[in-house]
Amino acid sequence: MTVEITKETVAYRWGDGCIDFHHCAVCGCVTHYESADNSSTPRTAINFRMADGLKSSEVKYFDGAESWCFLDESEVRKV
């Protein structure tokens, strides 16, 4: 799968400053994040809630708040 960002994003850092969160300069929606230059662990995440046509893709649930591990679907809180 290829992801292409066609407009400029605005990046911000918070907390320990190891992740650059990018959001749309027009609507403010978070598009993705990437590890900052000072990070010892390379990470990238994409906000696929903004993408179409993902029904045929496998979804992996990642706990980025506490464990930094992938979760089984049974462990995911449904909202």
N, C-alpha and C. Protein backbone atom coordinates (compact mmCIF):
# COMPACT_ATOMS: atom_id res chain seq x y z
N MET A 1 0.84 -1.16 0.00
CA MET A 1 0.00 0.00 0.00
C MET A 1 0.90 1.24 0.00
N THR A 2 0.56 2.20 -0.81
CA THR A 2 1.30 3.45 -0.88
C THR A 2 0.44 4.57 -0.32
N VAL A 3 1.02 5.39 0.52
CA VAL A 3 0.33 6.54 1.09
C VAL A 3 1.02 7.79 0.58
N GLU A 4 0.23 8.72 0.07
CA GLU A 4 0.78 9.96 -0.46
C GLU A 4 0.09 11.14 0.19
N ILE A 5 0.87 12.07 0.70
CA ILE A 5 0.32 13.30 1.27
C ILE A 5 0.48 14.37 0.20
N THR A 6 -0.63 14.97 -0.20
CA THR A 6 -0.59 15.89 -1.34
C THR A 6 -0.53 17.36 -0.93
N LYS A 7 -0.80 17.66 0.32
CA LYS A 7 -0.76 19.04 0.81
C LYS A 7 0.26 19.15 1.94
N GLU A 8 0.64 20.37 2.24
CA GLU A 8 1.60 20.62 3.32
C GLU A 8 0.99 20.29 4.68
N THR A 9 1.79 19.71 5.55
CA THR A 9 1.34 19.45 6.91
C THR A 9 2.13 20.35 7.87
N VAL A 10 1.58 20.48 9.07
CA VAL A 10 2.23 21.23 10.14
C VAL A 10 2.62 20.22 11.21
N ALA A 11 3.85 20.28 11.69
CA ALA A 11 4.32 19.32 12.70
C ALA A 11 4.42 19.99 14.06
N TYR A 12 4.17 19.20 15.11
CA TYR A 12 4.40 19.68 16.46
C TYR A 12 4.94 18.54 17.31
N ARG A 13 5.62 18.90 18.39
CA ARG A 13 6.17 17.92 19.34
C ARG A 13 5.64 18.27 20.72
N TRP A 14 5.47 17.25 21.54
CA TRP A 14 5.11 17.50 22.94
C TRP A 14 5.72 16.39 23.78
N GLY A 15 5.59 16.50 25.08
CA GLY A 15 6.16 15.48 25.97
C GLY A 15 7.67 15.46 25.87
N ASP A 16 8.21 14.29 25.60
CA ASP A 16 9.67 14.15 25.54
C ASP A 16 10.26 14.60 24.20
N GLY A 17 9.43 15.03 23.27
CA GLY A 17 9.91 15.58 22.00
C GLY A 17 10.49 14.58 21.03
N CYS A 18 10.15 13.31 21.18
CA CYS A 18 10.72 12.27 20.31
C CYS A 18 9.86 11.94 19.10
N ILE A 19 8.64 12.50 19.03
CA ILE A 19 7.74 12.21 17.92
C ILE A 19 7.23 13.52 17.33
N ASP A 20 7.26 13.63 16.00
CA ASP A 20 6.69 14.76 15.28
C ASP A 20 5.29 14.37 14.80
N PHE A 21 4.27 15.00 15.36
CA PHE A 21 2.89 14.77 14.94
C PHE A 21 2.57 15.76 13.82
N HIS A 22 2.07 15.25 12.70
CA HIS A 22 1.75 16.09 11.55
C HIS A 22 0.24 16.19 11.41
N HIS A 23 -0.24 17.41 11.15
CA HIS A 23 -1.66 17.60 10.91
C HIS A 23 -1.87 18.51 9.70
N CYS A 24 -3.07 18.42 9.14
CA CYS A 24 -3.44 19.21 7.97
C CYS A 24 -3.47 20.69 8.37
N ALA A 25 -2.84 21.53 7.56
CA ALA A 25 -2.81 22.97 7.84
C ALA A 25 -4.17 23.62 7.63
N VAL A 26 -5.09 22.95 6.92
CA VAL A 26 -6.41 23.52 6.64
C VAL A 26 -7.43 23.08 7.68
N CYS A 27 -7.59 21.75 7.88
CA CYS A 27 -8.66 21.25 8.75
C CYS A 27 -8.18 20.86 10.14
N GLY A 28 -6.88 20.67 10.33
CA GLY A 28 -6.33 20.33 11.64
C GLY A 28 -6.31 18.86 11.98
N CYS A 29 -6.79 17.98 11.09
CA CYS A 29 -6.79 16.54 11.36
C CYS A 29 -5.36 16.00 11.36
N VAL A 30 -5.05 15.15 12.34
CA VAL A 30 -3.73 14.52 12.39
C VAL A 30 -3.64 13.52 11.25
N THR A 31 -2.60 13.63 10.44
CA THR A 31 -2.42 12.73 9.30
C THR A 31 -1.48 11.58 9.63
N HIS A 32 -0.41 11.88 10.39
CA HIS A 32 0.58 10.85 10.69
C HIS A 32 1.54 11.36 11.74
N TYR A 33 2.38 10.45 12.23
CA TYR A 33 3.51 10.90 13.04
C TYR A 33 4.75 10.14 12.64
N GLU A 34 5.89 10.75 12.92
CA GLU A 34 7.19 10.17 12.62
C GLU A 34 8.13 10.43 13.78
N SER A 35 9.11 9.57 13.95
CA SER A 35 10.12 9.80 14.98
C SER A 35 10.87 11.09 14.68
N ALA A 36 11.15 11.84 15.72
CA ALA A 36 11.96 13.05 15.59
C ALA A 36 13.43 12.67 15.47
N ASP A 37 14.23 13.62 15.09
CA ASP A 37 15.67 13.38 14.93
C ASP A 37 16.33 12.91 16.21
N ASN A 38 15.80 13.31 17.37
CA ASN A 38 16.41 12.95 18.65
C ASN A 38 15.89 11.63 19.21
N SER A 39 15.08 10.92 18.46
CA SER A 39 14.51 9.66 18.93
C SER A 39 15.47 8.50 18.72
N SER A 40 15.52 7.61 19.70
CA SER A 40 16.38 6.42 19.57
C SER A 40 15.63 5.26 18.90
N THR A 41 14.31 5.38 18.77
CA THR A 41 13.49 4.33 18.19
C THR A 41 12.74 4.87 16.98
N PRO A 42 13.02 4.38 15.77
CA PRO A 42 12.29 4.87 14.60
C PRO A 42 10.84 4.38 14.61
N ARG A 43 9.90 5.32 14.46
CA ARG A 43 8.47 4.98 14.43
C ARG A 43 7.78 5.83 13.38
N THR A 44 6.77 5.24 12.77
CA THR A 44 5.89 5.96 11.86
C THR A 44 4.49 5.42 12.05
N ALA A 45 3.50 6.29 12.06
CA ALA A 45 2.10 5.87 12.15
C ALA A 45 1.28 6.74 11.20
N ILE A 46 0.24 6.16 10.65
CA ILE A 46 -0.62 6.86 9.70
C ILE A 46 -2.04 6.80 10.21
N ASN A 47 -2.76 7.91 10.16
CA ASN A 47 -4.16 7.97 10.57
C ASN A 47 -5.03 7.46 9.41
N PHE A 48 -5.31 6.18 9.41
CA PHE A 48 -6.10 5.59 8.32
C PHE A 48 -7.59 5.85 8.46
N ARG A 49 -8.01 6.51 9.51
CA ARG A 49 -9.42 6.90 9.61
C ARG A 49 -9.78 7.88 8.50
N MET A 50 -8.77 8.50 7.93
CA MET A 50 -9.00 9.47 6.86
C MET A 50 -8.91 8.84 5.47
N ALA A 51 -8.67 7.54 5.39
CA ALA A 51 -8.48 6.86 4.10
C ALA A 51 -9.73 6.09 3.69
N ASP A 52 -9.90 5.94 2.40
CA ASP A 52 -11.01 5.15 1.86
C ASP A 52 -10.50 3.79 1.40
N GLY A 53 -11.39 2.83 1.30
CA GLY A 53 -11.08 1.55 0.67
C GLY A 53 -10.18 0.63 1.45
N LEU A 54 -10.33 0.55 2.75
CA LEU A 54 -9.45 -0.30 3.56
C LEU A 54 -10.09 -1.62 3.96
N LYS A 55 -11.28 -1.93 3.49
CA LYS A 55 -11.97 -3.15 3.92
C LYS A 55 -11.19 -4.41 3.63
N SER A 56 -10.38 -4.41 2.59
CA SER A 56 -9.62 -5.61 2.24
C SER A 56 -8.26 -5.67 2.94
N SER A 57 -7.94 -4.67 3.73
CA SER A 57 -6.65 -4.63 4.42
C SER A 57 -6.75 -5.22 5.81
N GLU A 58 -5.67 -5.86 6.25
CA GLU A 58 -5.60 -6.39 7.60
C GLU A 58 -5.39 -5.22 8.57
N VAL A 59 -6.12 -5.23 9.68
CA VAL A 59 -6.00 -4.19 10.68
C VAL A 59 -5.28 -4.75 11.90
N LYS A 60 -4.23 -4.06 12.34
CA LYS A 60 -3.53 -4.42 13.57
C LYS A 60 -3.76 -3.29 14.56
N TYR A 61 -4.14 -3.64 15.77
CA TYR A 61 -4.41 -2.64 16.80
C TYR A 61 -3.17 -2.46 17.66
N PHE A 62 -2.76 -1.21 17.81
CA PHE A 62 -1.52 -0.90 18.52
C PHE A 62 -1.83 -0.01 19.71
N ASP A 63 -1.35 -0.39 20.87
CA ASP A 63 -1.54 0.39 22.09
C ASP A 63 -0.39 1.38 22.23
N GLY A 64 -0.59 2.58 21.72
CA GLY A 64 0.44 3.60 21.80
C GLY A 64 0.36 4.43 23.06
N ALA A 65 -0.61 4.14 23.93
CA ALA A 65 -0.77 4.90 25.17
C ALA A 65 -0.04 4.28 26.34
N GLU A 66 -0.03 2.93 26.40
CA GLU A 66 0.55 2.30 27.58
C GLU A 66 1.63 1.27 27.25
N SER A 67 1.26 0.20 26.57
CA SER A 67 2.18 -0.94 26.43
C SER A 67 3.11 -0.85 25.22
N TRP A 68 2.77 -0.06 24.23
CA TRP A 68 3.49 0.00 22.96
C TRP A 68 3.59 -1.39 22.32
N CYS A 69 2.50 -2.15 22.46
CA CYS A 69 2.42 -3.50 21.88
C CYS A 69 1.17 -3.59 21.01
N PHE A 70 1.17 -4.56 20.10
CA PHE A 70 -0.02 -4.84 19.32
C PHE A 70 -1.00 -5.63 20.17
N LEU A 71 -2.30 -5.39 19.97
CA LEU A 71 -3.35 -6.01 20.76
C LEU A 71 -4.15 -6.98 19.92
N ASP A 72 -4.69 -8.00 20.57
CA ASP A 72 -5.68 -8.86 19.92
C ASP A 72 -6.97 -8.05 19.81
N GLU A 73 -7.79 -8.38 18.83
CA GLU A 73 -9.04 -7.63 18.63
C GLU A 73 -9.91 -7.68 19.88
N SER A 74 -9.86 -8.78 20.64
CA SER A 74 -10.67 -8.91 21.86
C SER A 74 -10.24 -7.92 22.95
N GLU A 75 -9.02 -7.40 22.86
CA GLU A 75 -8.51 -6.45 23.85
C GLU A 75 -8.82 -5.00 23.51
N VAL A 76 -9.38 -4.76 22.32
CA VAL A 76 -9.61 -3.41 21.85
C VAL A 76 -10.95 -2.92 22.37
N ARG A 77 -10.93 -1.73 22.96
CA ARG A 77 -12.16 -1.13 23.47
C ARG A 77 -12.96 -0.60 22.29
N LYS A 78 -14.20 -1.00 22.19
CA LYS A 78 -15.08 -0.55 21.11
C LYS A 78 -15.77 0.73 21.54
N VAL A 79 -15.73 1.73 20.67
CA VAL A 79 -16.39 3.00 20.98
C VAL A 79 -17.53 3.25 20.04
